[in-house]
Amino acid sequence: MKLLLFIFIIMVTEQCLAAADVNAMLKTNRNVEWLDKEIEKININLQEKHSFSTRRALEKQLEELKGRRKKVFIQFLEESSGVDIVVLDEGRSDKKEKLLDEVQDILLPLVESVKRLSAKPRQLEKIKNEISKLHELINNRKKAKESLLLIQNDEQYISSLPLINQGINELESEIIKLEIELDGKTRLVKKEENGKASFIMRLKEFLSDFVKTKGKNLFLSITTLIFLYWVLLVFRNQVFKFQIFTGKLEFIRKTLMTLYSSISMTIAFLGAIMVLYFLNDWLLLTLIVIVLLGILWSLKQYLPRYIGEARLILNIGPVKEDELITWEGVPYLVKSLGFSATLENPLLSGGLLRIPVQEFFNKQSRKISRSEVLFPTKKEDWVKLEDGSIGQVKEQTPEVVSVLKMGGGIKTYRTKDFFEMGLENLTSGFCISEVLGLDYSIQADMLSKVVPTFSQKMKEYLYQESYIKDFARYFTCEFHSAGESSLNLVVILECSGELCRYYHKIKRDIQRNFIRIANEENLTIPFAQMTIHQG
């Protein structure tokens, strides 16, 4: 029983829905008939004589009624066939966004040139999309026509039969038009696919056309840019070769030179743009303007950096020309400042460096004194190394210093480390000081006899060596101190740089002659003693 009741309810519901659809269709039919009558009245009224303004008002009213009649008639077709025709018709419209149109108008030369390379593939793809849409429209119209044919002989739709027949006829006419359009587009696609050229061939044709037209214009524009800038540069060199601004006014000369160079580049760039303008090459002109706008837009982010660079270039920043600066731990003289700074240390091989000026933002230079040296050694100088050995500098560059030690070994230092070690340079002269000890048994005669005797004989024996006699500058032998187990003398010998290689030999000669004199005078040389106390 419940099943039969459920079936009965469904049947009643379907009949009610069908009756509602019929009532809606009949109501739409009456609206169409009323609109037809109104349109007929206006047409009859237009056949009479009227003023210009009245006729325009009637024609406008007629157009509005026809538009309403078309919408109501499409609504009738939808209600009678169950097909949403309005959406499909609206889908056929190929409207473009206004924003896209405006962008294309602005960049039209560039867009057209870029589109030319892929015009045929894009056109073919567009036709294929239209063919797909046409198939959908044709099937939709056929479905709507079949639905109208099913209700054509139904008695409950007898009052709407004229509109149904009109809908069938219009749908048949539209189907024929769409099929003709579909056939034409299908033939066009087959023709294009059979005779289309490869992408490489189209690209080759595009490049060939570019070289013949745009390439020539680009060459003329670049040539004009280079020529104008070269002429203005030559004129600048002729003007600024006169040393008008010197000394404290040097920054004015650099400021004027930089300003002149900027104006020269601007004039040369405008000349190149004018060439493209007179050649009517809007594509290249548009590209150059876009690049220029991009450059100007990026400048706002780097403006503080460019201001700092400008201060350095104009020699009014924290680093100035002809002053001393420390670069990587080594002092250099700032020779010139521009887009790259030139640093020089004449004591180093390859000591001329070119550094980008932005590297000096956090640097500070200072004035250099007349007696100040830029490096503690020169090539071929003799130095006393940290282990007490002697070596000769064979090479010193901004990166490394190579020292040849006595005996042939080569020791290499980083230039920064070598500079910071503070090694003793023996080339300009050096002093040897040796402390010698004698026994306390001679304490009474130490100052009156022993010291004079040692001084006389030590000088005599040392100067017997020709290499010492010729290059020794000063000699003395004096009492030094009273040690724990000996009375000490000190021998001081000042030598010129020619004796650098004999540094350790001279020390050995002093020790040898000390023993010789002690033996001659019967003097005792004590040894180190340790006193032990027993508690």
Protein backbone atom coordinates (compact mmCIF):
# COMPACT_ATOMS: atom_id res chain seq x y z
CA MET A 1 0.00 0.00 0.00
CA LYS A 2 2.78 2.39 0.86
CA LEU A 3 4.45 1.73 -2.51
CA LEU A 4 1.22 2.43 -4.43
CA LEU A 5 0.68 5.60 -2.42
CA PHE A 6 4.22 6.74 -3.19
CA ILE A 7 3.73 6.11 -6.94
CA PHE A 8 0.42 8.00 -6.86
CA ILE A 9 2.07 10.99 -5.17
CA ILE A 10 4.85 11.03 -7.80
CA MET A 11 2.31 10.92 -10.66
CA VAL A 12 0.28 13.75 -9.17
CA THR A 13 3.45 15.81 -8.64
CA GLU A 14 4.54 15.29 -12.24
CA GLN A 15 1.12 16.32 -13.54
CA CYS A 16 1.22 19.45 -11.36
CA LEU A 17 4.70 20.34 -12.61
CA ALA A 18 3.62 19.74 -16.23
CA ALA A 19 0.55 21.91 -15.68
CA ALA A 20 2.77 24.61 -14.18
CA ASP A 21 5.09 24.44 -17.23
CA VAL A 22 2.12 24.70 -19.57
CA ASN A 23 0.72 27.65 -17.64
CA ALA A 24 4.11 29.41 -17.75
CA MET A 25 4.40 28.77 -21.48
CA LEU A 26 0.86 30.05 -22.08
CA LYS A 27 1.63 33.18 -20.08
CA THR A 28 4.77 33.76 -22.16
CA ASN A 29 2.69 33.17 -25.31
CA ARG A 30 0.26 35.91 -24.25
CA ASN A 31 3.20 38.26 -23.62
CA VAL A 32 4.50 37.63 -27.13
CA GLU A 33 1.05 38.25 -28.64
CA TRP A 34 0.72 41.54 -26.68
CA LEU A 35 4.18 42.68 -27.83
CA ASP A 36 3.28 41.82 -31.45
CA LYS A 37 0.17 43.98 -31.20
CA GLU A 38 2.13 46.90 -29.73
CA ILE A 39 4.76 46.59 -32.47
CA GLU A 40 2.02 46.54 -35.12
CA LYS A 41 0.43 49.68 -33.64
CA ILE A 42 3.71 51.58 -33.78
CA ASN A 43 4.37 50.43 -37.36
CA ILE A 44 0.93 51.72 -38.41
CA ASN A 45 1.58 54.97 -36.56
CA LEU A 46 4.93 55.40 -38.32
CA GLN A 47 3.18 55.27 -41.70
CA GLU A 48 1.53 58.59 -40.87
CA LYS A 49 3.24 61.98 -41.05
CA HIS A 50 5.03 63.12 -37.91
CA SER A 51 7.63 65.64 -36.88
CA PHE A 52 11.26 64.59 -36.76
CA SER A 53 11.40 64.36 -32.97
CA THR A 54 8.16 62.38 -32.75
CA ARG A 55 9.31 59.92 -35.42
CA ARG A 56 12.64 59.41 -33.59
CA ALA A 57 10.79 58.71 -30.35
CA LEU A 58 8.50 56.17 -32.07
CA GLU A 59 11.45 54.44 -33.73
CA LYS A 60 13.28 54.23 -30.40
CA GLN A 61 10.15 52.78 -28.76
CA LEU A 62 9.85 50.27 -31.62
CA GLU A 63 13.45 49.10 -31.17
CA GLU A 64 12.88 48.59 -27.44
CA LEU A 65 9.73 46.54 -28.09
CA LYS A 66 11.52 44.38 -30.65
CA GLY A 67 14.32 43.73 -28.17
CA ARG A 68 11.81 42.78 -25.47
CA ARG A 69 9.93 40.58 -27.97
CA LYS A 70 13.17 38.76 -28.85
CA LYS A 71 13.99 38.08 -25.21
CA VAL A 72 10.43 36.88 -24.43
CA PHE A 73 10.42 34.65 -27.54
CA ILE A 74 13.75 33.06 -26.49
CA GLN A 75 12.21 32.54 -23.04
CA PHE A 76 9.26 30.75 -24.75
CA LEU A 77 11.67 28.47 -26.64
CA GLU A 78 13.50 27.65 -23.42
CA GLU A 79 10.25 26.83 -21.56
CA SER A 80 8.88 24.70 -24.38
CA SER A 81 12.11 22.84 -25.26
CA GLY A 82 13.92 22.83 -21.89
CA VAL A 83 17.17 24.10 -23.47
CA ASP A 84 19.04 27.15 -22.11
CA ILE A 85 19.47 28.97 -25.42
CA VAL A 86 20.30 32.39 -23.96
CA VAL A 87 23.52 31.19 -22.31
CA LEU A 88 24.74 29.59 -25.51
CA ASP A 89 23.99 32.67 -27.59
CA GLU A 90 25.82 34.81 -25.08
CA GLY A 91 28.69 32.37 -25.24
CA ARG A 92 29.20 33.19 -28.92
CA SER A 93 30.06 36.80 -28.19
CA ASP A 94 33.80 37.46 -28.47
CA LYS A 95 34.14 40.53 -26.24
CA LYS A 96 37.58 41.72 -25.19
CA GLU A 97 38.36 43.35 -21.92
CA LYS A 98 38.74 47.10 -22.07
CA LEU A 99 41.96 46.99 -20.05
CA LEU A 100 43.55 44.63 -22.58
CA ASP A 101 42.48 46.94 -25.43
CA GLU A 102 44.08 49.93 -23.70
CA VAL A 103 47.34 48.06 -23.08
CA GLN A 104 47.45 46.92 -26.70
CA ASP A 105 46.85 50.48 -27.88
CA ILE A 106 49.82 51.70 -25.83
CA LEU A 107 52.15 48.88 -26.84
CA LEU A 108 50.66 48.31 -30.28
CA PRO A 109 53.92 48.47 -32.30
CA LEU A 110 55.68 46.04 -29.98
CA VAL A 111 52.69 43.72 -29.64
CA GLU A 112 52.08 43.56 -33.38
CA SER A 113 55.72 42.74 -34.14
CA VAL A 114 55.85 39.99 -31.53
CA LYS A 115 52.47 38.60 -32.59
CA ARG A 116 53.54 38.43 -36.24
CA LEU A 117 55.85 35.48 -35.54
CA SER A 118 53.06 33.30 -34.08
CA ALA A 119 50.10 34.76 -35.97
CA LYS A 120 49.23 31.67 -38.03
CA PRO A 121 49.39 29.12 -35.17
CA ARG A 122 47.26 31.35 -32.98
CA GLN A 123 44.78 31.96 -35.78
CA LEU A 124 44.53 28.21 -36.43
CA GLU A 125 43.94 27.50 -32.76
CA LYS A 126 41.24 30.17 -32.64
CA ILE A 127 39.43 28.61 -35.63
CA LYS A 128 39.55 25.19 -33.96
CA ASN A 129 37.96 26.64 -30.84
CA GLU A 130 35.23 28.22 -32.99
CA ILE A 131 34.61 24.87 -34.70
CA SER A 132 34.18 23.22 -31.31
CA LYS A 133 31.73 25.95 -30.26
CA LEU A 134 29.80 25.56 -33.55
CA HIS A 135 29.37 21.81 -32.96
CA GLU A 136 28.00 22.59 -29.50
CA LEU A 137 25.59 25.22 -30.88
CA ILE A 138 24.34 22.95 -33.68
CA ASN A 139 23.69 20.08 -31.29
CA ASN A 140 21.91 22.42 -28.93
CA ARG A 141 19.65 23.79 -31.68
CA LYS A 142 18.84 20.29 -32.93
CA LYS A 143 17.89 19.23 -29.41
CA ALA A 144 15.63 22.30 -29.06
CA LYS A 145 14.03 21.59 -32.45
CA GLU A 146 13.31 17.95 -31.51
CA SER A 147 11.66 19.09 -28.29
CA LEU A 148 9.40 21.52 -30.22
CA LEU A 149 8.48 18.80 -32.75
CA LEU A 150 7.34 16.52 -29.89
CA ILE A 151 4.84 19.10 -28.58
CA GLN A 152 3.76 20.38 -32.01
CA ASN A 153 0.75 18.02 -32.23
CA ASP A 154 -0.10 18.12 -28.50
CA GLU A 155 -3.59 19.55 -27.94
CA GLN A 156 -2.68 21.35 -24.72
CA TYR A 157 -0.22 23.50 -26.71
CA ILE A 158 -2.71 24.25 -29.54
CA SER A 159 -2.94 27.93 -28.59
CA SER A 160 0.85 28.29 -28.87
CA LEU A 161 1.14 26.44 -32.16
CA PRO A 162 2.02 29.57 -34.26
CA LEU A 163 4.93 30.40 -31.96
CA ILE A 164 6.05 26.78 -31.90
CA ASN A 165 6.06 26.66 -35.71
CA GLN A 166 7.95 29.96 -35.83
CA GLY A 167 10.52 28.58 -33.36
CA ILE A 168 10.98 25.40 -35.42
CA ASN A 169 11.50 27.42 -38.60
CA GLU A 170 14.00 29.81 -36.95
CA LEU A 171 15.91 26.92 -35.39
CA GLU A 172 16.10 25.14 -38.79
CA SER A 173 17.35 28.32 -40.43
CA GLU A 174 19.95 28.87 -37.69
CA ILE A 175 21.11 25.22 -37.91
CA ILE A 176 21.66 25.60 -41.67
CA LYS A 177 23.65 28.83 -41.17
CA LEU A 178 25.78 27.26 -38.44
CA GLU A 179 26.46 24.15 -40.58
CA ILE A 180 27.55 26.34 -43.50
CA GLU A 181 29.86 28.30 -41.20
CA LEU A 182 31.18 25.02 -39.73
CA ASP A 183 31.92 23.60 -43.16
CA GLY A 184 33.83 26.73 -44.21
CA LYS A 185 35.97 26.79 -41.07
CA THR A 186 36.67 23.05 -41.33
CA ARG A 187 37.91 23.47 -44.92
CA LEU A 188 40.09 26.42 -43.82
CA VAL A 189 41.70 24.35 -41.06
CA LYS A 190 42.50 21.48 -43.44
CA LYS A 191 44.00 23.91 -45.94
CA GLU A 192 46.18 25.59 -43.32
CA GLU A 193 47.38 22.28 -41.86
CA ASN A 194 48.31 20.89 -45.27
CA GLY A 195 50.30 23.96 -46.36
CA LYS A 196 51.67 25.39 -43.10
CA ALA A 197 55.40 26.08 -42.74
CA SER A 198 57.51 24.95 -39.80
CA PHE A 199 58.22 27.20 -36.83
CA ILE A 200 61.92 27.33 -37.77
CA MET A 201 61.05 28.64 -41.25
CA ARG A 202 58.76 31.31 -39.80
CA LEU A 203 61.44 32.29 -37.32
CA LYS A 204 64.02 32.49 -40.11
CA GLU A 205 61.71 34.74 -42.15
CA PHE A 206 61.09 36.93 -39.12
CA LEU A 207 64.81 37.35 -38.39
CA SER A 208 65.57 38.05 -42.04
CA ASP A 209 62.91 40.75 -42.11
CA PHE A 210 64.24 42.20 -38.84
CA VAL A 211 67.80 42.47 -40.16
CA LYS A 212 66.65 44.19 -43.35
CA THR A 213 64.48 46.75 -41.58
CA LYS A 214 64.81 46.98 -37.79
CA GLY A 215 68.44 45.85 -37.81
CA LYS A 216 69.44 48.67 -40.15
CA ASN A 217 67.58 51.23 -38.05
CA LEU A 218 69.15 49.90 -34.85
CA PHE A 219 72.64 50.10 -36.41
CA LEU A 220 72.08 53.72 -37.44
CA SER A 221 70.77 54.60 -33.98
CA ILE A 222 73.73 53.00 -32.14
CA THR A 223 76.20 54.58 -34.57
CA THR A 224 74.68 58.00 -33.87
CA LEU A 225 74.90 57.40 -30.12
CA ILE A 226 78.59 56.43 -30.26
CA PHE A 227 79.54 59.22 -32.67
CA LEU A 228 77.84 61.99 -30.68
CA TYR A 229 79.33 60.81 -27.39
CA TRP A 230 82.81 60.52 -28.93
CA VAL A 231 82.65 64.06 -30.36
CA LEU A 232 81.48 65.49 -27.05
CA LEU A 233 84.17 63.51 -25.20
CA VAL A 234 86.92 64.88 -27.43
CA PHE A 235 85.60 68.39 -26.86
CA ARG A 236 85.60 67.78 -23.09
CA ASN A 237 89.24 66.67 -23.13
CA GLN A 238 90.20 69.80 -25.06
CA VAL A 239 88.37 72.05 -22.61
CA PHE A 240 89.57 70.46 -19.37
CA LYS A 241 93.18 69.97 -20.41
CA PHE A 242 93.85 73.48 -19.10
CA GLN A 243 94.71 73.28 -15.40
CA ILE A 244 92.25 75.93 -14.27
CA PHE A 245 91.08 74.28 -11.06
CA THR A 246 93.95 72.88 -8.99
CA GLY A 247 94.69 72.25 -5.34
CA LYS A 248 91.66 72.85 -3.14
CA LEU A 249 89.55 73.60 -6.23
CA GLU A 250 90.21 70.20 -7.72
CA PHE A 251 86.75 68.95 -6.71
CA ILE A 252 85.17 71.70 -8.86
CA ARG A 253 86.96 70.38 -11.94
CA LYS A 254 85.79 66.85 -11.23
CA THR A 255 82.24 68.07 -10.60
CA LEU A 256 82.14 69.93 -13.92
CA MET A 257 83.66 66.96 -15.76
CA THR A 258 81.09 64.57 -14.30
CA LEU A 259 78.23 66.97 -15.09
CA TYR A 260 79.53 67.44 -18.64
CA SER A 261 79.82 63.65 -19.12
CA SER A 262 76.23 63.16 -17.93
CA ILE A 263 74.92 65.84 -20.28
CA SER A 264 76.96 64.37 -23.14
CA MET A 265 75.45 60.91 -22.60
CA THR A 266 71.95 62.41 -22.45
CA ILE A 267 72.47 64.32 -25.72
CA ALA A 268 73.88 61.22 -27.44
CA PHE A 269 70.95 59.12 -26.21
CA LEU A 270 68.40 61.70 -27.40
CA GLY A 271 70.17 61.77 -30.78
CA ALA A 272 69.78 58.00 -31.10
CA ILE A 273 66.06 58.28 -30.25
CA MET A 274 65.56 61.05 -32.82
CA VAL A 275 67.08 58.81 -35.51
CA LEU A 276 64.43 56.16 -34.78
CA TYR A 277 61.75 58.87 -34.74
CA PHE A 278 62.71 60.19 -38.20
CA LEU A 279 62.94 56.62 -39.52
CA ASN A 280 59.39 56.06 -38.20
CA ASP A 281 60.51 52.91 -36.35
CA TRP A 282 58.00 52.86 -33.51
CA LEU A 283 58.86 49.31 -32.47
CA LEU A 284 62.47 50.05 -31.52
CA LEU A 285 61.44 53.44 -30.14
CA THR A 286 58.88 51.76 -27.86
CA LEU A 287 61.44 49.18 -26.71
CA ILE A 288 63.99 51.88 -25.86
CA VAL A 289 61.41 53.92 -23.94
CA ILE A 290 60.37 50.82 -21.95
CA VAL A 291 64.01 50.03 -21.10
CA LEU A 292 64.62 53.66 -20.12
CA LEU A 293 61.54 53.69 -17.86
CA GLY A 294 62.72 50.45 -16.27
CA ILE A 295 66.13 51.94 -15.58
CA LEU A 296 64.62 55.08 -14.06
CA TRP A 297 62.28 52.97 -11.91
CA SER A 298 65.19 50.92 -10.56
CA LEU A 299 67.19 54.06 -9.74
CA LYS A 300 64.91 54.94 -6.83
CA GLN A 301 66.02 51.82 -4.94
CA TYR A 302 69.72 52.53 -5.44
CA LEU A 303 69.58 56.31 -5.04
CA PRO A 304 71.48 56.40 -1.67
CA ARG A 305 74.16 54.18 -3.17
CA TYR A 306 74.53 56.39 -6.24
CA ILE A 307 74.73 59.51 -4.06
CA GLY A 308 77.57 57.90 -2.08
CA GLU A 309 79.37 56.96 -5.29
CA ALA A 310 78.93 60.48 -6.63
CA ARG A 311 80.52 61.96 -3.50
CA LEU A 312 83.52 59.66 -3.88
CA ILE A 313 83.85 60.35 -7.62
CA LEU A 314 83.70 64.10 -7.03
CA ASN A 315 86.46 63.75 -4.40
CA ILE A 316 84.29 65.13 -1.58
CA GLY A 317 83.67 61.83 0.25
CA PRO A 318 85.52 60.16 3.14
CA VAL A 319 88.19 58.87 0.73
CA LYS A 320 90.14 61.52 -1.22
CA GLU A 321 92.82 61.53 -3.90
CA ASP A 322 96.52 61.76 -2.88
CA GLU A 323 95.73 60.48 0.60
CA LEU A 324 96.68 57.25 2.35
CA ILE A 325 94.24 54.36 2.73
CA THR A 326 94.68 50.85 4.12
CA TRP A 327 93.41 48.17 1.74
CA GLU A 328 93.47 44.54 2.93
CA GLY A 329 95.92 45.44 5.69
CA VAL A 330 98.44 47.20 3.41
CA PRO A 331 98.77 51.00 2.94
CA TYR A 332 98.18 52.48 -0.52
CA LEU A 333 98.12 55.94 -2.02
CA VAL A 334 94.83 56.95 -3.67
CA LYS A 335 95.93 58.10 -7.14
CA SER A 336 92.52 58.78 -8.70
CA LEU A 337 88.80 58.37 -8.02
CA GLY A 338 86.20 57.62 -10.67
CA PHE A 339 83.82 54.75 -11.24
CA SER A 340 86.83 52.71 -10.15
CA ALA A 341 89.50 53.92 -7.73
CA THR A 342 93.20 53.61 -8.56
CA LEU A 343 95.41 52.66 -5.60
CA GLU A 344 99.21 52.58 -5.81
CA ASN A 345 102.01 51.27 -3.63
CA PRO A 346 105.25 51.76 -5.60
CA LEU A 347 107.18 49.48 -3.23
CA LEU A 348 105.13 46.44 -4.32
CA SER A 349 105.48 44.66 -7.65
CA GLY A 350 102.12 45.06 -9.39
CA GLY A 351 101.14 47.55 -6.72
CA LEU A 352 98.67 49.40 -8.98
CA LEU A 353 95.12 48.32 -8.10
CA ARG A 354 91.77 49.31 -9.62
CA ILE A 355 88.93 48.84 -7.16
CA PRO A 356 85.20 49.58 -7.72
CA VAL A 357 84.44 52.84 -5.98
CA GLN A 358 81.50 51.36 -4.03
CA GLU A 359 84.00 49.31 -2.02
CA PHE A 360 85.09 52.52 -0.27
CA PHE A 361 81.74 53.46 1.30
CA ASN A 362 82.95 52.45 4.77
CA LYS A 363 86.60 53.43 4.29
CA GLN A 364 88.47 56.51 5.50
CA SER A 365 91.64 58.01 4.03
CA ARG A 366 94.13 60.36 5.72
CA LYS A 367 96.89 62.72 4.68
CA ILE A 368 100.34 61.18 4.27
CA SER A 369 103.46 62.69 5.83
CA ARG A 370 106.53 63.38 3.72
CA SER A 371 108.75 60.88 5.60
CA GLU A 372 106.14 58.12 5.73
CA VAL A 373 106.95 54.93 3.79
CA LEU A 374 104.24 52.73 2.29
CA PHE A 375 105.98 49.42 3.08
CA PRO A 376 108.79 48.46 5.50
CA THR A 377 110.97 46.77 2.85
CA LYS A 378 111.96 46.94 -0.78
CA LYS A 379 113.01 44.20 -3.13
CA GLU A 380 116.54 42.87 -2.27
CA ASP A 381 116.36 44.25 1.30
CA TRP A 382 117.74 42.14 4.18
CA VAL A 383 115.47 41.43 7.15
CA LYS A 384 115.80 39.66 10.46
CA LEU A 385 113.00 37.09 10.63
CA GLU A 386 110.91 36.14 13.64
CA ASP A 387 113.08 33.07 14.37
CA GLY A 388 116.27 35.19 14.44
CA SER A 389 117.51 34.08 11.00
CA ILE A 390 118.49 36.47 8.21
CA GLY A 391 116.81 36.61 4.81
CA GLN A 392 116.67 38.72 1.68
CA VAL A 393 113.36 39.88 0.15
CA LYS A 394 113.16 38.50 -3.38
CA GLU A 395 109.58 39.42 -4.28
CA GLN A 396 106.79 41.46 -2.73
CA THR A 397 103.40 41.87 -4.34
CA PRO A 398 99.97 42.94 -3.01
CA GLU A 399 99.33 39.29 -2.17
CA VAL A 400 102.63 37.64 -1.04
CA VAL A 401 106.20 38.40 0.09
CA SER A 402 108.96 35.86 -0.67
CA VAL A 403 112.14 35.87 1.48
CA LEU A 404 115.32 33.95 0.56
CA LYS A 405 116.91 32.68 3.79
CA MET A 406 120.61 32.07 4.26
CA GLY A 407 121.29 28.61 2.89
CA GLY A 408 118.81 28.82 0.01
CA GLY A 409 115.40 28.22 1.63
CA ILE A 410 112.52 30.45 0.55
CA LYS A 411 109.86 31.50 3.04
CA THR A 412 106.58 33.00 1.82
CA TYR A 413 104.31 35.32 3.81
CA ARG A 414 100.96 36.91 3.09
CA THR A 415 101.67 40.59 2.50
CA LYS A 416 99.23 41.63 5.23
CA ASP A 417 100.89 39.28 7.76
CA PHE A 418 104.40 40.35 6.72
CA PHE A 419 103.46 44.00 7.20
CA GLU A 420 101.97 43.38 10.65
CA MET A 421 104.96 41.32 11.91
CA GLY A 422 107.16 44.40 12.21
CA LEU A 423 110.38 42.66 11.15
CA GLU A 424 113.73 44.46 11.46
CA ASN A 425 115.10 45.76 8.16
CA LEU A 426 118.91 45.48 8.21
CA THR A 427 119.58 47.07 4.81
CA SER A 428 120.18 50.62 6.02
CA GLY A 429 122.37 49.43 8.92
CA PHE A 430 122.22 47.38 12.08
CA CYS A 431 123.80 47.01 15.52
CA ILE A 432 125.23 43.86 17.15
CA SER A 433 125.44 43.73 20.96
CA GLU A 434 127.16 40.81 22.71
CA VAL A 435 127.37 40.39 26.53
CA LEU A 436 130.53 38.56 27.75
CA GLY A 437 131.19 37.32 31.31
CA LEU A 438 134.43 37.08 33.35
CA ASP A 439 135.14 35.55 36.76
CA TYR A 440 134.75 37.63 39.97
CA SER A 441 138.46 37.01 40.78
CA ILE A 442 139.34 40.08 38.65
CA GLN A 443 136.89 42.34 40.40
CA ALA A 444 139.60 44.74 41.66
CA ASP A 445 141.12 45.30 38.20
CA MET A 446 137.89 45.06 36.20
CA LEU A 447 137.34 48.73 35.49
CA SER A 448 140.96 49.97 35.55
CA LYS A 449 142.72 47.29 33.49
CA VAL A 450 140.45 44.57 32.11
CA VAL A 451 137.88 46.75 30.33
CA PRO A 452 140.49 48.93 28.51
CA THR A 453 142.51 45.87 27.52
CA PHE A 454 139.44 44.06 26.15
CA SER A 455 138.27 47.15 24.28
CA GLN A 456 141.65 47.69 22.59
CA LYS A 457 142.31 44.09 21.62
CA MET A 458 138.67 43.30 20.58
CA LYS A 459 138.64 46.26 18.19
CA GLU A 460 142.08 45.34 16.85
CA TYR A 461 141.16 41.71 16.19
CA LEU A 462 137.75 42.50 14.67
CA TYR A 463 139.14 45.20 12.36
CA GLN A 464 141.71 42.72 11.06
CA GLU A 465 138.79 41.32 9.07
CA SER A 466 138.61 43.47 5.95
CA TYR A 467 134.84 43.21 5.56
CA ILE A 468 134.41 44.64 9.09
CA LYS A 469 137.06 47.34 8.78
CA ASP A 470 135.53 48.80 5.62
CA PHE A 471 131.90 48.87 6.76
CA ALA A 472 131.97 49.19 10.56
CA ARG A 473 130.59 52.52 11.70
CA TYR A 474 131.12 52.44 15.47
CA PHE A 475 132.74 50.16 18.07
CA THR A 476 132.78 50.17 21.87
CA CYS A 477 133.46 47.76 24.71
CA GLU A 478 132.14 48.72 28.17
CA PHE A 479 131.31 47.27 31.54
CA HIS A 480 127.75 45.95 31.42
CA SER A 481 126.68 44.50 34.76
CA ALA A 482 127.55 42.35 37.76
CA GLY A 483 125.81 39.04 37.24
CA GLU A 484 125.11 36.19 39.64
CA SER A 485 128.33 34.35 38.74
CA SER A 486 130.22 36.77 36.48
CA LEU A 487 131.20 40.33 35.78
CA ASN A 488 129.78 41.17 32.36
CA LEU A 489 131.19 43.22 29.49
CA VAL A 490 129.21 44.36 26.44
CA VAL A 491 130.63 44.69 22.94
CA ILE A 492 128.63 46.98 20.61
CA LEU A 493 129.38 47.10 16.88
CA GLU A 494 127.36 49.27 14.47
CA CYS A 495 127.57 48.17 10.82
CA SER A 496 126.35 49.46 7.46
CA GLY A 497 123.91 47.48 5.33
CA GLU A 498 126.67 45.89 3.25
CA LEU A 499 127.41 43.55 6.21
CA CYS A 500 123.89 42.12 6.40
CA ARG A 501 124.91 38.73 5.05
CA TYR A 502 127.70 38.55 7.71
CA TYR A 503 125.35 39.22 10.62
CA HIS A 504 125.78 35.84 12.35
CA LYS A 505 129.47 35.57 11.36
CA ILE A 506 130.23 38.86 13.15
CA LYS A 507 128.53 37.53 16.30
CA ARG A 508 130.67 34.40 16.10
CA ASP A 509 133.84 36.49 15.56
CA ILE A 510 133.11 38.47 18.73
CA GLN A 511 132.75 35.26 20.76
CA ARG A 512 135.92 33.78 19.24
CA ASN A 513 138.01 36.88 19.94
CA PHE A 514 136.63 37.02 23.50
CA ILE A 515 138.06 33.57 24.25
CA ARG A 516 141.34 34.54 22.51
CA ILE A 517 141.79 37.64 24.67
CA ALA A 518 140.82 35.76 27.84
CA ASN A 519 143.50 33.17 27.14
CA GLU A 520 146.13 35.83 26.41
CA GLU A 521 145.40 37.64 29.68
CA ASN A 522 144.94 34.46 31.77
CA LEU A 523 141.37 35.38 32.64
CA THR A 524 138.78 32.86 33.73
CA ILE A 525 135.41 32.52 31.98
CA PRO A 526 132.90 31.33 34.56
CA PHE A 527 130.14 28.88 33.97
CA ALA A 528 126.64 29.05 35.32
CA GLN A 529 126.47 27.94 38.96
CA MET A 530 123.63 26.79 41.19
CA THR A 531 123.80 27.31 44.97
CA ILE A 532 122.02 24.68 47.09
CA HIS A 533 121.14 25.57 50.68
CA GLN A 534 120.72 22.72 53.17
CA GLY A 535 118.14 23.46 55.79
